[in-house]
Amino acid sequence: MTKLYSLGLGVGTQNSNGEWLEVFYPQPILNPAENVATAFTSTLGYKGGNHAISLTVEKVDALAKALTAAGDSELADLCRTLRSSMRPLVVTLLESDENPSSVPEGYLKLHLLSHRLVKPHGINLTGLFGVLPNVAWTNEGAIDINDLPARQLKARIEGKLLSVDCIDKFPKMANYVVPTGVRIAHTARVRLGAHLGEGTTIMHEGFVNFNAGTLGTSMIEGRISSGVTVGEGSDLGGGCSTMGTLSGGGNIVISVGKESLIGANAGTGIPLGDRCIIESGLYITAGTKLALLDDKNAVVEHVKARDLAGKSDLLFRRNSLTGGVECKTNKSAIALNEELHANN
């Protein structure tokens, strides 16, 4: 019995030393059916473990034949399409969800996230930063930093301009995956590995990192840092921020619940429950001292924000007279404008 955690048939880019820079997987698969897994493993002589296997034309033809026999015409057709590729081909087979140990493995996991096959924190990305190389992302694709000067000179000699969009380990998601039912005003601000739920709108100043994103309809005009998730119906106002594990959050997993609002230029360093509001310009961290108010706006006690982590129906605000931060029950529901946020 052949069982795999995930597999991907991809086309990628290598540097002048034959090292992988990036891989595009048109149809990544999570928990492939046994007949499909067997077609791959038997054809490629796979003996177990997590491996990225470079493909020759002969191997691609053999895979197409095996997949046709297994009854998967879609993957067989993909093999036939990739057969004519001028770029190197690879099959990545993951027996288990271990730390990614190669560029093809890392890219397969990022694709699984952006294809909505797994949710943020639903896949092991430990050590990914050390695996992925820093790459020049250009109008001619991925280029190794060490190969860039020669490529720039070659382009100039030919009367062309090699445009370098950014230098980064992660490419923009839209060059690999465009999920259904989303709007992205500025694609460079959404990294591959972001998870965007159906109905999400990312405005021009919105940003979504890898292993982070939305779980449903949301309006994002602020920053969703790595590891942060935003629930259905929530709104992140212009310039607001969520503290991720890469930006000082440590091991605390920050999330925003359903139907919550983080106001413009505000932010949170604690997990928020459902139907919470942080007023504009107010940044809540775990150590922020809060005055808890009752229904008559009388102070009941003083706590730190971490004591309210994950609790629902809270309104965080500043006292305009004292400057202190207060928290009381939120009695107003947040509802997104259906017409404004329609992505059909």
C-alpha atoms as a PDB file:
ATOM      1  CA  MET A   1       0.000   0.000   0.000  1.00  0.00           C
ATOM      2  CA  THR A   2       1.444   3.352  -1.096  1.00  0.00           C
ATOM      3  CA  LYS A   3       0.515   6.335   1.052  1.00  0.00           C
ATOM      4  CA  LEU A   4       1.816   9.883   0.678  1.00  0.00           C
ATOM      5  CA  TYR A   5       1.179  13.077   2.599  1.00  0.00           C
ATOM      6  CA  SER A   6       1.530  15.276  -0.488  1.00  0.00           C
ATOM      7  CA  LEU A   7       2.923  15.348  -3.995  1.00  0.00           C
ATOM      8  CA  GLY A   8       3.532  17.934  -6.662  1.00  0.00           C
ATOM      9  CA  LEU A   9       4.564  17.843 -10.308  1.00  0.00           C
ATOM     10  CA  GLY A  10       6.369  21.098 -11.017  1.00  0.00           C
ATOM     11  CA  VAL A  11       8.446  23.238 -13.326  1.00  0.00           C
ATOM     12  CA  GLY A  12      11.089  25.499 -11.839  1.00  0.00           C
ATOM     13  CA  THR A  13      14.220  27.585 -12.152  1.00  0.00           C
ATOM     14  CA  GLN A  14      17.797  26.623 -11.328  1.00  0.00           C
ATOM     15  CA  ASN A  15      20.888  28.790 -11.035  1.00  0.00           C
ATOM     16  CA  SER A  16      24.106  28.351 -13.016  1.00  0.00           C
ATOM     17  CA  ASN A  17      25.188  25.660 -10.539  1.00  0.00           C
ATOM     18  CA  GLY A  18      22.029  23.607 -11.060  1.00  0.00           C
ATOM     19  CA  GLU A  19      20.553  24.554  -7.676  1.00  0.00           C
ATOM     20  CA  TRP A  20      16.825  25.169  -7.371  1.00  0.00           C
ATOM     21  CA  LEU A  21      15.642  28.760  -6.952  1.00  0.00           C
ATOM     22  CA  GLU A  22      11.878  28.227  -7.171  1.00  0.00           C
ATOM     23  CA  VAL A  23       9.257  25.712  -8.333  1.00  0.00           C
ATOM     24  CA  PHE A  24       5.746  26.206  -9.733  1.00  0.00           C
ATOM     25  CA  TYR A  25       3.250  23.409  -9.000  1.00  0.00           C
ATOM     26  CA  PRO A  26       0.087  23.789 -11.131  1.00  0.00           C
ATOM     27  CA  GLN A  27      -1.833  21.073  -9.239  1.00  0.00           C
ATOM     28  CA  PRO A  28      -0.376  20.304  -5.791  1.00  0.00           C
ATOM     29  CA  ILE A  29      -2.080  17.389  -4.085  1.00  0.00           C
ATOM     30  CA  LEU A  30      -2.679  16.806  -0.386  1.00  0.00           C
ATOM     31  CA  ASN A  31      -3.231  13.166   0.651  1.00  0.00           C
ATOM     32  CA  PRO A  32      -3.243  11.762  -2.900  1.00  0.00           C
ATOM     33  CA  ALA A  33      -5.365   8.701  -3.636  1.00  0.00           C
ATOM     34  CA  GLU A  34      -3.551   5.376  -3.398  1.00  0.00           C
ATOM     35  CA  ASN A  35      -3.756   4.683  -7.140  1.00  0.00           C
ATOM     36  CA  VAL A  36      -2.207   8.083  -7.929  1.00  0.00           C
ATOM     37  CA  ALA A  37       0.518   7.689  -5.302  1.00  0.00           C
ATOM     38  CA  THR A  38       1.331   4.227  -6.634  1.00  0.00           C
ATOM     39  CA  ALA A  39       1.607   5.524 -10.204  1.00  0.00           C
ATOM     40  CA  PHE A  40       4.234   8.036  -9.091  1.00  0.00           C
ATOM     41  CA  THR A  41       6.182   5.836  -6.675  1.00  0.00           C
ATOM     42  CA  SER A  42       6.371   2.783  -8.920  1.00  0.00           C
ATOM     43  CA  THR A  43       7.371   4.779 -12.006  1.00  0.00           C
ATOM     44  CA  LEU A  44      10.050   6.760 -10.177  1.00  0.00           C
ATOM     45  CA  GLY A  45      11.447   3.888  -8.094  1.00  0.00           C
ATOM     46  CA  TYR A  46      10.557   5.720  -4.905  1.00  0.00           C
ATOM     47  CA  LYS A  47      11.617   3.944  -1.696  1.00  0.00           C
ATOM     48  CA  GLY A  48      10.089   6.259   0.920  1.00  0.00           C
ATOM     49  CA  GLY A  49      10.865   9.532   2.667  1.00  0.00           C
ATOM     50  CA  ASN A  50      10.578  13.112   1.424  1.00  0.00           C
ATOM     51  CA  HIS A  51      12.313  13.643  -1.903  1.00  0.00           C
ATOM     52  CA  ALA A  52      12.468  15.995  -4.874  1.00  0.00           C
ATOM     53  CA  ILE A  53      13.183  13.972  -8.034  1.00  0.00           C
ATOM     54  CA  SER A  54      14.322  15.650 -11.244  1.00  0.00           C
ATOM     55  CA  LEU A  55      12.474  14.452 -14.348  1.00  0.00           C
ATOM     56  CA  THR A  56      13.637  13.553 -17.821  1.00  0.00           C
ATOM     57  CA  VAL A  57      11.317  13.498 -20.827  1.00  0.00           C
ATOM     58  CA  GLU A  58      11.333   9.705 -20.646  1.00  0.00           C
ATOM     59  CA  LYS A  59      10.209   9.758 -17.013  1.00  0.00           C
ATOM     60  CA  VAL A  60       7.451  12.277 -17.815  1.00  0.00           C
ATOM     61  CA  ASP A  61       6.176   9.977 -20.597  1.00  0.00           C
ATOM     62  CA  ALA A  62       6.260   7.003 -18.243  1.00  0.00           C
ATOM     63  CA  LEU A  63       4.336   8.977 -15.605  1.00  0.00           C
ATOM     64  CA  ALA A  64       1.695   9.990 -18.137  1.00  0.00           C
ATOM     65  CA  LYS A  65       1.240   6.343 -19.105  1.00  0.00           C
ATOM     66  CA  ALA A  66       1.061   5.167 -15.485  1.00  0.00           C
ATOM     67  CA  LEU A  67      -1.429   7.890 -14.529  1.00  0.00           C
ATOM     68  CA  THR A  68      -3.639   7.061 -17.507  1.00  0.00           C
ATOM     69  CA  ALA A  69      -3.667   3.424 -16.411  1.00  0.00           C
ATOM     70  CA  ALA A  70      -4.496   4.570 -12.860  1.00  0.00           C
ATOM     71  CA  GLY A  71      -7.516   6.495 -14.174  1.00  0.00           C
ATOM     72  CA  ASP A  72      -6.263  10.035 -13.495  1.00  0.00           C
ATOM     73  CA  SER A  73      -6.547  11.682 -16.921  1.00  0.00           C
ATOM     74  CA  GLU A  74      -6.084  15.191 -15.487  1.00  0.00           C
ATOM     75  CA  LEU A  75      -2.615  14.521 -14.087  1.00  0.00           C
ATOM     76  CA  ALA A  76      -1.733  12.517 -17.188  1.00  0.00           C
ATOM     77  CA  ASP A  77      -2.630  15.530 -19.334  1.00  0.00           C
ATOM     78  CA  LEU A  78      -0.478  17.758 -17.074  1.00  0.00           C
ATOM     79  CA  CYS A  79       2.469  15.428 -17.711  1.00  0.00           C
ATOM     80  CA  ARG A  80       1.952  15.713 -21.451  1.00  0.00           C
ATOM     81  CA  THR A  81       1.778  19.503 -21.177  1.00  0.00           C
ATOM     82  CA  LEU A  82       4.967  19.722 -19.112  1.00  0.00           C
ATOM     83  CA  ARG A  83       6.778  17.412 -21.511  1.00  0.00           C
ATOM     84  CA  SER A  84       7.590  20.358 -23.787  1.00  0.00           C
ATOM     85  CA  SER A  85       8.956  22.536 -20.950  1.00  0.00           C
ATOM     86  CA  MET A  86      12.185  24.426 -21.582  1.00  0.00           C
ATOM     87  CA  ARG A  87      12.676  24.674 -17.812  1.00  0.00           C
ATOM     88  CA  PRO A  88      13.705  21.797 -15.513  1.00  0.00           C
ATOM     89  CA  LEU A  89      10.934  19.561 -14.189  1.00  0.00           C
ATOM     90  CA  VAL A  90      10.643  18.000 -10.756  1.00  0.00           C
ATOM     91  CA  VAL A  91       8.345  15.699  -8.819  1.00  0.00           C
ATOM     92  CA  THR A  92       8.262  16.265  -5.057  1.00  0.00           C
ATOM     93  CA  LEU A  93       6.974  13.402  -2.925  1.00  0.00           C
ATOM     94  CA  LEU A  94       6.331  13.931   0.772  1.00  0.00           C
ATOM     95  CA  GLU A  95       5.756  10.817   2.827  1.00  0.00           C
ATOM     96  CA  SER A  96       5.235  12.873   5.996  1.00  0.00           C
ATOM     97  CA  ASP A  97       4.935  16.468   7.164  1.00  0.00           C
ATOM     98  CA  GLU A  98       8.554  16.932   8.223  1.00  0.00           C
ATOM     99  CA  ASN A  99      10.653  20.108   8.214  1.00  0.00           C
ATOM    100  CA  PRO A 100      11.212  21.129   4.567  1.00  0.00           C
ATOM    101  CA  SER A 101      14.769  20.222   3.575  1.00  0.00           C
ATOM    102  CA  SER A 102      14.912  21.487  -0.023  1.00  0.00           C
ATOM    103  CA  VAL A 103      13.583  24.314  -2.184  1.00  0.00           C
ATOM    104  CA  PRO A 104      11.107  22.029  -4.033  1.00  0.00           C
ATOM    105  CA  GLU A 105       9.752  20.761  -0.694  1.00  0.00           C
ATOM    106  CA  GLY A 106       9.380  24.294   0.674  1.00  0.00           C
ATOM    107  CA  TYR A 107       7.607  25.535  -2.433  1.00  0.00           C
ATOM    108  CA  LEU A 108       5.210  22.588  -2.426  1.00  0.00           C
ATOM    109  CA  LYS A 109       4.168  23.448   1.134  1.00  0.00           C
ATOM    110  CA  LEU A 110       3.723  27.130   0.263  1.00  0.00           C
ATOM    111  CA  HIS A 111       1.525  26.097  -2.680  1.00  0.00           C
ATOM    112  CA  LEU A 112      -0.613  23.908  -0.415  1.00  0.00           C
ATOM    113  CA  LEU A 113      -1.310  26.964   1.755  1.00  0.00           C
ATOM    114  CA  SER A 114      -2.165  29.314  -1.097  1.00  0.00           C
ATOM    115  CA  HIS A 115      -4.322  26.671  -2.811  1.00  0.00           C
ATOM    116  CA  ARG A 116      -6.324  26.485   0.463  1.00  0.00           C
ATOM    117  CA  LEU A 117      -5.486  22.799   0.864  1.00  0.00           C
ATOM    118  CA  VAL A 118      -4.154  23.527   4.361  1.00  0.00           C
ATOM    119  CA  LYS A 119      -4.722  26.439   6.720  1.00  0.00           C
ATOM    120  CA  PRO A 120      -2.031  28.548   8.420  1.00  0.00           C
ATOM    121  CA  HIS A 121      -0.351  26.534  11.194  1.00  0.00           C
ATOM    122  CA  GLY A 122      -1.710  23.395   9.508  1.00  0.00           C
ATOM    123  CA  ILE A 123       1.620  22.416   7.956  1.00  0.00           C
ATOM    124  CA  ASN A 124       5.212  22.151   9.205  1.00  0.00           C
ATOM    125  CA  LEU A 125       7.352  25.042   7.915  1.00  0.00           C
ATOM    126  CA  THR A 126      10.095  24.808  10.543  1.00  0.00           C
ATOM    127  CA  GLY A 127      13.435  25.863   9.057  1.00  0.00           C
ATOM    128  CA  LEU A 128      11.919  27.162   5.819  1.00  0.00           C
ATOM    129  CA  PHE A 129      13.878  30.439   5.956  1.00  0.00           C
ATOM    130  CA  GLY A 130      17.142  28.542   6.013  1.00  0.00           C
ATOM    131  CA  VAL A 131      16.107  26.389   3.052  1.00  0.00           C
ATOM    132  CA  LEU A 132      14.927  29.074   0.639  1.00  0.00           C
ATOM    133  CA  PRO A 133      17.591  31.156  -1.150  1.00  0.00           C
ATOM    134  CA  ASN A 134      17.448  34.910  -1.519  1.00  0.00           C
ATOM    135  CA  VAL A 135      16.389  35.506  -5.122  1.00  0.00           C
ATOM    136  CA  ALA A 136      16.193  38.437  -7.523  1.00  0.00           C
ATOM    137  CA  TRP A 137      12.613  38.447  -8.837  1.00  0.00           C
ATOM    138  CA  THR A 138      12.666  40.053 -12.274  1.00  0.00           C
ATOM    139  CA  ASN A 139      10.600  40.467 -15.432  1.00  0.00           C
ATOM    140  CA  GLU A 140      12.521  37.413 -16.681  1.00  0.00           C
ATOM    141  CA  GLY A 141      11.723  35.321 -13.632  1.00  0.00           C
ATOM    142  CA  ALA A 142      13.868  34.203 -10.707  1.00  0.00           C
ATOM    143  CA  ILE A 143      17.603  34.902 -10.950  1.00  0.00           C
ATOM    144  CA  ASP A 144      20.311  33.891  -8.499  1.00  0.00           C
ATOM    145  CA  ILE A 145      21.884  36.933  -6.826  1.00  0.00           C
ATOM    146  CA  ASN A 146      25.338  35.812  -7.977  1.00  0.00           C
ATOM    147  CA  ASP A 147      24.124  35.415 -11.564  1.00  0.00           C
ATOM    148  CA  LEU A 148      22.364  38.788 -11.635  1.00  0.00           C
ATOM    149  CA  PRO A 149      25.223  41.084 -12.770  1.00  0.00           C
ATOM    150  CA  ALA A 150      25.933  38.959 -15.839  1.00  0.00           C
ATOM    151  CA  ARG A 151      22.239  38.797 -16.702  1.00  0.00           C
ATOM    152  CA  GLN A 152      21.882  42.563 -16.331  1.00  0.00           C
ATOM    153  CA  LEU A 153      24.851  43.169 -18.629  1.00  0.00           C
ATOM    154  CA  LYS A 154      23.530  40.673 -21.193  1.00  0.00           C
ATOM    155  CA  ALA A 155      20.161  42.430 -21.238  1.00  0.00           C
ATOM    156  CA  ARG A 156      21.770  45.864 -21.760  1.00  0.00           C
ATOM    157  CA  ILE A 157      23.930  44.590 -24.602  1.00  0.00           C
ATOM    158  CA  GLU A 158      20.800  43.248 -26.282  1.00  0.00           C
ATOM    159  CA  GLY A 159      19.088  46.614 -25.872  1.00  0.00           C
ATOM    160  CA  LYS A 160      16.769  45.386 -23.134  1.00  0.00           C
ATOM    161  CA  LEU A 161      16.174  46.294 -19.504  1.00  0.00           C
ATOM    162  CA  LEU A 162      16.181  43.611 -16.848  1.00  0.00           C
ATOM    163  CA  SER A 163      13.751  44.956 -14.244  1.00  0.00           C
ATOM    164  CA  VAL A 164      14.398  43.749 -10.695  1.00  0.00           C
ATOM    165  CA  ASP A 165      11.121  43.935  -8.787  1.00  0.00           C
ATOM    166  CA  CYS A 166      12.481  42.777  -5.433  1.00  0.00           C
ATOM    167  CA  ILE A 167      15.161  40.737  -3.653  1.00  0.00           C
ATOM    168  CA  ASP A 168      13.460  38.250  -1.369  1.00  0.00           C
ATOM    169  CA  LYS A 169      13.111  34.616  -0.360  1.00  0.00           C
ATOM    170  CA  PHE A 170       9.405  34.610  -1.175  1.00  0.00           C
ATOM    171  CA  PRO A 171       7.758  35.535  -4.488  1.00  0.00           C
ATOM    172  CA  LYS A 172       4.364  37.159  -4.822  1.00  0.00           C
ATOM    173  CA  MET A 173       1.528  34.684  -4.592  1.00  0.00           C
ATOM    174  CA  ALA A 174      -0.333  35.809  -7.722  1.00  0.00           C
ATOM    175  CA  ASN A 175       2.541  34.634  -9.956  1.00  0.00           C
ATOM    176  CA  TYR A 176       1.837  31.103  -8.722  1.00  0.00           C
ATOM    177  CA  VAL A 177      -1.705  30.943  -7.360  1.00  0.00           C
ATOM    178  CA  VAL A 178      -4.799  33.129  -7.789  1.00  0.00           C
ATOM    179  CA  PRO A 179      -7.461  31.734  -5.439  1.00  0.00           C
ATOM    180  CA  THR A 180     -11.098  31.994  -6.483  1.00  0.00           C
ATOM    181  CA  GLY A 181     -13.272  34.809  -5.163  1.00  0.00           C
ATOM    182  CA  VAL A 182     -10.596  37.264  -4.034  1.00  0.00           C
ATOM    183  CA  ARG A 183      -9.526  40.803  -4.934  1.00  0.00           C
ATOM    184  CA  ILE A 184      -5.906  41.887  -4.545  1.00  0.00           C
ATOM    185  CA  ALA A 185      -5.239  45.535  -5.356  1.00  0.00           C
ATOM    186  CA  HIS A 186      -1.425  45.259  -5.177  1.00  0.00           C
ATOM    187  CA  THR A 187      -0.211  41.714  -5.826  1.00  0.00           C
ATOM    188  CA  ALA A 188       3.345  42.380  -4.629  1.00  0.00           C
ATOM    189  CA  ARG A 189       1.968  42.723  -1.092  1.00  0.00           C
ATOM    190  CA  VAL A 190       0.746  39.116  -0.851  1.00  0.00           C
ATOM    191  CA  ARG A 191       3.489  36.494  -0.544  1.00  0.00           C
ATOM    192  CA  LEU A 192       3.325  32.917  -1.770  1.00  0.00           C
ATOM    193  CA  GLY A 193       2.167  30.841   1.181  1.00  0.00           C
ATOM    194  CA  ALA A 194      -0.591  33.294   2.090  1.00  0.00           C
ATOM    195  CA  HIS A 195      -4.018  31.739   2.643  1.00  0.00           C
ATOM    196  CA  LEU A 196      -6.870  33.933   1.360  1.00  0.00           C
ATOM    197  CA  GLY A 197     -10.405  32.784   2.095  1.00  0.00           C
ATOM    198  CA  GLU A 198     -13.207  33.101  -0.428  1.00  0.00           C
ATOM    199  CA  GLY A 199     -14.519  36.672  -0.475  1.00  0.00           C
ATOM    200  CA  THR A 200     -11.350  38.341   0.807  1.00  0.00           C
ATOM    201  CA  THR A 201     -10.388  41.799  -0.447  1.00  0.00           C
ATOM    202  CA  ILE A 202      -6.807  43.007  -0.044  1.00  0.00           C
ATOM    203  CA  MET A 203      -6.612  46.746  -0.627  1.00  0.00           C
ATOM    204  CA  HIS A 204      -3.518  48.612  -1.874  1.00  0.00           C
ATOM    205  CA  GLU A 205      -1.893  48.987   1.557  1.00  0.00           C
ATOM    206  CA  GLY A 206      -2.945  45.544   2.768  1.00  0.00           C
ATOM    207  CA  PHE A 207      -0.207  42.946   3.263  1.00  0.00           C
ATOM    208  CA  VAL A 208      -0.383  39.188   3.851  1.00  0.00           C
ATOM    209  CA  ASN A 209       2.703  37.166   4.768  1.00  0.00           C
ATOM    210  CA  PHE A 210       3.251  33.422   4.271  1.00  0.00           C
ATOM    211  CA  ASN A 211       1.579  30.968   6.679  1.00  0.00           C
ATOM    212  CA  ALA A 212      -1.005  33.649   7.442  1.00  0.00           C
ATOM    213  CA  GLY A 213      -4.224  35.027   6.035  1.00  0.00           C
ATOM    214  CA  THR A 214      -7.995  35.010   6.119  1.00  0.00           C
ATOM    215  CA  LEU A 215     -10.489  32.219   6.682  1.00  0.00           C
ATOM    216  CA  GLY A 216     -13.422  33.800   4.842  1.00  0.00           C
ATOM    217  CA  THR A 217     -14.844  37.109   3.681  1.00  0.00           C
ATOM    218  CA  SER A 218     -12.662  39.916   5.044  1.00  0.00           C
ATOM    219  CA  MET A 219     -11.557  43.448   4.189  1.00  0.00           C
ATOM    220  CA  ILE A 220      -7.794  43.844   4.642  1.00  0.00           C
ATOM    221  CA  GLU A 221      -6.290  47.346   4.520  1.00  0.00           C
ATOM    222  CA  GLY A 222      -3.645  46.575   7.150  1.00  0.00           C
ATOM    223  CA  ARG A 223      -0.909  44.026   7.754  1.00  0.00           C
ATOM    224  CA  ILE A 224      -1.400  40.317   8.423  1.00  0.00           C
ATOM    225  CA  SER A 225       1.986  39.196   9.729  1.00  0.00           C
ATOM    226  CA  SER A 226       3.369  35.676   9.479  1.00  0.00           C
ATOM    227  CA  GLY A 227       1.354  33.191  11.497  1.00  0.00           C
ATOM    228  CA  VAL A 228      -1.695  35.454  11.948  1.00  0.00           C
ATOM    229  CA  THR A 229      -5.201  34.388  10.895  1.00  0.00           C
ATOM    230  CA  VAL A 230      -8.276  36.590  10.452  1.00  0.00           C
ATOM    231  CA  GLY A 231     -11.768  35.168  10.862  1.00  0.00           C
ATOM    232  CA  GLU A 232     -14.852  35.460   8.668  1.00  0.00           C
ATOM    233  CA  GLY A 233     -16.350  38.933   8.367  1.00  0.00           C
ATOM    234  CA  SER A 234     -13.514  40.834  10.036  1.00  0.00           C
ATOM    235  CA  ASP A 235     -12.041  44.166   8.910  1.00  0.00           C
ATOM    236  CA  LEU A 236      -8.451  45.363   9.282  1.00  0.00           C
ATOM    237  CA  GLY A 237      -8.388  49.146   8.851  1.00  0.00           C
ATOM    238  CA  GLY A 238      -5.851  51.165   6.901  1.00  0.00           C
ATOM    239  CA  GLY A 239      -2.338  51.015   8.313  1.00  0.00           C
ATOM    240  CA  CYS A 240      -3.213  48.655  11.160  1.00  0.00           C
ATOM    241  CA  SER A 241      -0.918  45.846  12.263  1.00  0.00           C
ATOM    242  CA  THR A 242      -1.016  42.348  13.710  1.00  0.00           C
ATOM    243  CA  MET A 243       2.043  41.150  15.610  1.00  0.00           C
ATOM    244  CA  GLY A 244       3.383  37.957  14.060  1.00  0.00           C
ATOM    245  CA  THR A 245       5.849  35.408  15.362  1.00  0.00           C
ATOM    246  CA  LEU A 246       8.519  36.950  13.107  1.00  0.00           C
ATOM    247  CA  SER A 247       8.068  40.448  14.507  1.00  0.00           C
ATOM    248  CA  GLY A 248       8.355  40.118  18.251  1.00  0.00           C
ATOM    249  CA  GLY A 249       5.359  37.938  19.019  1.00  0.00           C
ATOM    250  CA  GLY A 250       7.524  35.057  20.180  1.00  0.00           C
ATOM    251  CA  ASN A 251       5.564  31.825  20.388  1.00  0.00           C
ATOM    252  CA  ILE A 252       2.201  33.536  20.921  1.00  0.00           C
ATOM    253  CA  VAL A 253      -0.078  32.748  17.991  1.00  0.00           C
ATOM    254  CA  ILE A 254      -2.004  35.896  17.144  1.00  0.00           C
ATOM    255  CA  SER A 255      -5.433  35.589  15.580  1.00  0.00           C
ATOM    256  CA  VAL A 256      -8.446  37.783  14.963  1.00  0.00           C
ATOM    257  CA  GLY A 257     -11.846  36.179  15.427  1.00  0.00           C
ATOM    258  CA  LYS A 258     -15.020  36.573  13.414  1.00  0.00           C
ATOM    259  CA  GLU A 259     -16.706  39.943  12.755  1.00  0.00           C
ATOM    260  CA  SER A 260     -13.974  41.927  14.479  1.00  0.00           C
ATOM    261  CA  LEU A 261     -12.518  45.320  13.622  1.00  0.00           C
ATOM    262  CA  ILE A 262      -9.005  46.689  14.096  1.00  0.00           C
ATOM    263  CA  GLY A 263      -9.242  50.400  13.389  1.00  0.00           C
ATOM    264  CA  ALA A 264      -6.957  52.451  11.168  1.00  0.00           C
ATOM    265  CA  ASN A 265      -3.362  52.652  12.470  1.00  0.00           C
ATOM    266  CA  ALA A 266      -4.248  50.366  15.381  1.00  0.00           C
ATOM    267  CA  GLY A 267      -2.871  46.937  16.163  1.00  0.00           C
ATOM    268  CA  THR A 268      -2.900  43.870  18.357  1.00  0.00           C
ATOM    269  CA  GLY A 269      -0.260  41.743  20.034  1.00  0.00           C
ATOM    270  CA  ILE A 270      -2.819  39.427  21.634  1.00  0.00           C
ATOM    271  CA  PRO A 271      -5.302  37.002  20.061  1.00  0.00           C
ATOM    272  CA  LEU A 272      -8.749  38.559  19.672  1.00  0.00           C
ATOM    273  CA  GLY A 273     -11.997  36.636  19.996  1.00  0.00           C
ATOM    274  CA  ASP A 274     -15.129  37.205  17.934  1.00  0.00           C
ATOM    275  CA  ARG A 275     -16.812  40.621  17.574  1.00  0.00           C
ATOM    276  CA  CYS A 276     -13.969  42.608  19.097  1.00  0.00           C
ATOM    277  CA  ILE A 277     -13.045  46.207  18.277  1.00  0.00           C
ATOM    278  CA  ILE A 278      -9.785  48.079  18.759  1.00  0.00           C
ATOM    279  CA  GLU A 279     -10.289  51.778  18.168  1.00  0.00           C
ATOM    280  CA  SER A 280      -8.213  53.650  15.600  1.00  0.00           C
ATOM    281  CA  GLY A 281      -4.657  54.475  16.623  1.00  0.00           C
ATOM    282  CA  LEU A 282      -4.601  52.124  19.622  1.00  0.00           C
ATOM    283  CA  TYR A 283      -2.010  49.330  19.694  1.00  0.00           C
ATOM    284  CA  ILE A 284      -2.679  46.600  22.248  1.00  0.00           C
ATOM    285  CA  THR A 285       0.279  44.491  23.410  1.00  0.00           C
ATOM    286  CA  ALA A 286       0.272  41.637  25.918  1.00  0.00           C
ATOM    287  CA  GLY A 287       1.539  43.948  28.657  1.00  0.00           C
ATOM    288  CA  THR A 288      -0.857  46.854  28.032  1.00  0.00           C
ATOM    289  CA  LYS A 289      -2.601  47.841  31.289  1.00  0.00           C
ATOM    290  CA  LEU A 290      -6.376  47.977  30.898  1.00  0.00           C
ATOM    291  CA  ALA A 291      -9.153  49.363  33.042  1.00  0.00           C
ATOM    292  CA  LEU A 292     -12.125  47.002  32.863  1.00  0.00           C
ATOM    293  CA  LEU A 293     -15.419  48.879  32.784  1.00  0.00           C
ATOM    294  CA  ASP A 294     -18.917  47.719  33.687  1.00  0.00           C
ATOM    295  CA  ASP A 295     -22.124  48.693  31.867  1.00  0.00           C
ATOM    296  CA  LYS A 296     -22.102  52.056  33.659  1.00  0.00           C
ATOM    297  CA  ASN A 297     -18.504  52.775  32.623  1.00  0.00           C
ATOM    298  CA  ALA A 298     -17.268  52.334  36.188  1.00  0.00           C
ATOM    299  CA  VAL A 299     -13.839  50.738  36.671  1.00  0.00           C
ATOM    300  CA  VAL A 300     -14.184  47.187  38.002  1.00  0.00           C
ATOM    301  CA  GLU A 301     -10.512  46.191  38.026  1.00  0.00           C
ATOM    302  CA  HIS A 302      -7.202  46.649  36.243  1.00  0.00           C
ATOM    303  CA  VAL A 303      -5.691  43.808  34.191  1.00  0.00           C
ATOM    304  CA  LYS A 304      -3.104  43.269  31.516  1.00  0.00           C
ATOM    305  CA  ALA A 305      -4.255  42.685  27.954  1.00  0.00           C
ATOM    306  CA  ARG A 306      -2.872  39.148  27.951  1.00  0.00           C
ATOM    307  CA  ASP A 307      -5.533  38.261  30.537  1.00  0.00           C
ATOM    308  CA  LEU A 308      -8.206  38.940  27.904  1.00  0.00           C
ATOM    309  CA  ALA A 309      -6.539  37.028  25.070  1.00  0.00           C
ATOM    310  CA  GLY A 310      -9.053  35.177  22.915  1.00  0.00           C
ATOM    311  CA  LYS A 311     -12.129  36.550  24.687  1.00  0.00           C
ATOM    312  CA  SER A 312     -15.037  37.748  22.554  1.00  0.00           C
ATOM    313  CA  ASP A 313     -17.265  40.853  22.465  1.00  0.00           C
ATOM    314  CA  LEU A 314     -14.694  43.337  23.733  1.00  0.00           C
ATOM    315  CA  LEU A 315     -14.181  47.003  22.878  1.00  0.00           C
ATOM    316  CA  PHE A 316     -10.706  48.454  23.469  1.00  0.00           C
ATOM    317  CA  ARG A 317     -10.489  52.249  23.624  1.00  0.00           C
ATOM    318  CA  ARG A 318      -8.551  55.125  25.148  1.00  0.00           C
ATOM    319  CA  ASN A 319      -9.947  57.461  27.759  1.00  0.00           C
ATOM    320  CA  SER A 320      -9.764  60.926  26.194  1.00  0.00           C
ATOM    321  CA  LEU A 321      -9.314  62.576  29.606  1.00  0.00           C
ATOM    322  CA  THR A 322      -6.755  60.325  31.300  1.00  0.00           C
ATOM    323  CA  GLY A 323      -5.116  58.735  28.272  1.00  0.00           C
ATOM    324  CA  GLY A 324      -5.516  55.318  29.886  1.00  0.00           C
ATOM    325  CA  VAL A 325      -6.653  52.247  27.945  1.00  0.00           C
ATOM    326  CA  GLU A 326     -10.074  50.852  28.769  1.00  0.00           C
ATOM    327  CA  CYS A 327     -11.974  47.718  27.870  1.00  0.00           C
ATOM    328  CA  LYS A 328     -15.708  47.133  27.989  1.00  0.00           C
ATOM    329  CA  THR A 329     -18.287  44.880  26.422  1.00  0.00           C
ATOM    330  CA  ASN A 330     -18.808  45.539  22.721  1.00  0.00           C
ATOM    331  CA  LYS A 331     -22.519  45.892  22.018  1.00  0.00           C
ATOM    332  CA  SER A 332     -22.263  46.885  18.352  1.00  0.00           C
ATOM    333  CA  ALA A 333     -21.931  44.200  15.686  1.00  0.00           C
ATOM    334  CA  ILE A 334     -19.509  44.667  12.801  1.00  0.00           C
ATOM    335  CA  ALA A 335     -20.934  43.840   9.380  1.00  0.00           C
ATOM    336  CA  LEU A 336     -19.071  44.215   6.098  1.00  0.00           C
ATOM    337  CA  ASN A 337     -20.759  46.050   3.239  1.00  0.00           C
ATOM    338  CA  GLU A 338     -21.843  43.188   0.950  1.00  0.00           C
ATOM    339  CA  GLU A 339     -21.832  45.235  -2.239  1.00  0.00           C
ATOM    340  CA  LEU A 340     -18.450  46.819  -1.549  1.00  0.00           C
ATOM    341  CA  HIS A 341     -16.811  43.498  -0.731  1.00  0.00           C
ATOM    342  CA  ALA A 342     -18.353  41.411  -3.513  1.00  0.00           C
ATOM    343  CA  ASN A 343     -15.627  39.667  -5.536  1.00  0.00           C
ATOM    344  CA  ASN A 344     -17.704  38.050  -8.240  1.00  0.00           C
END
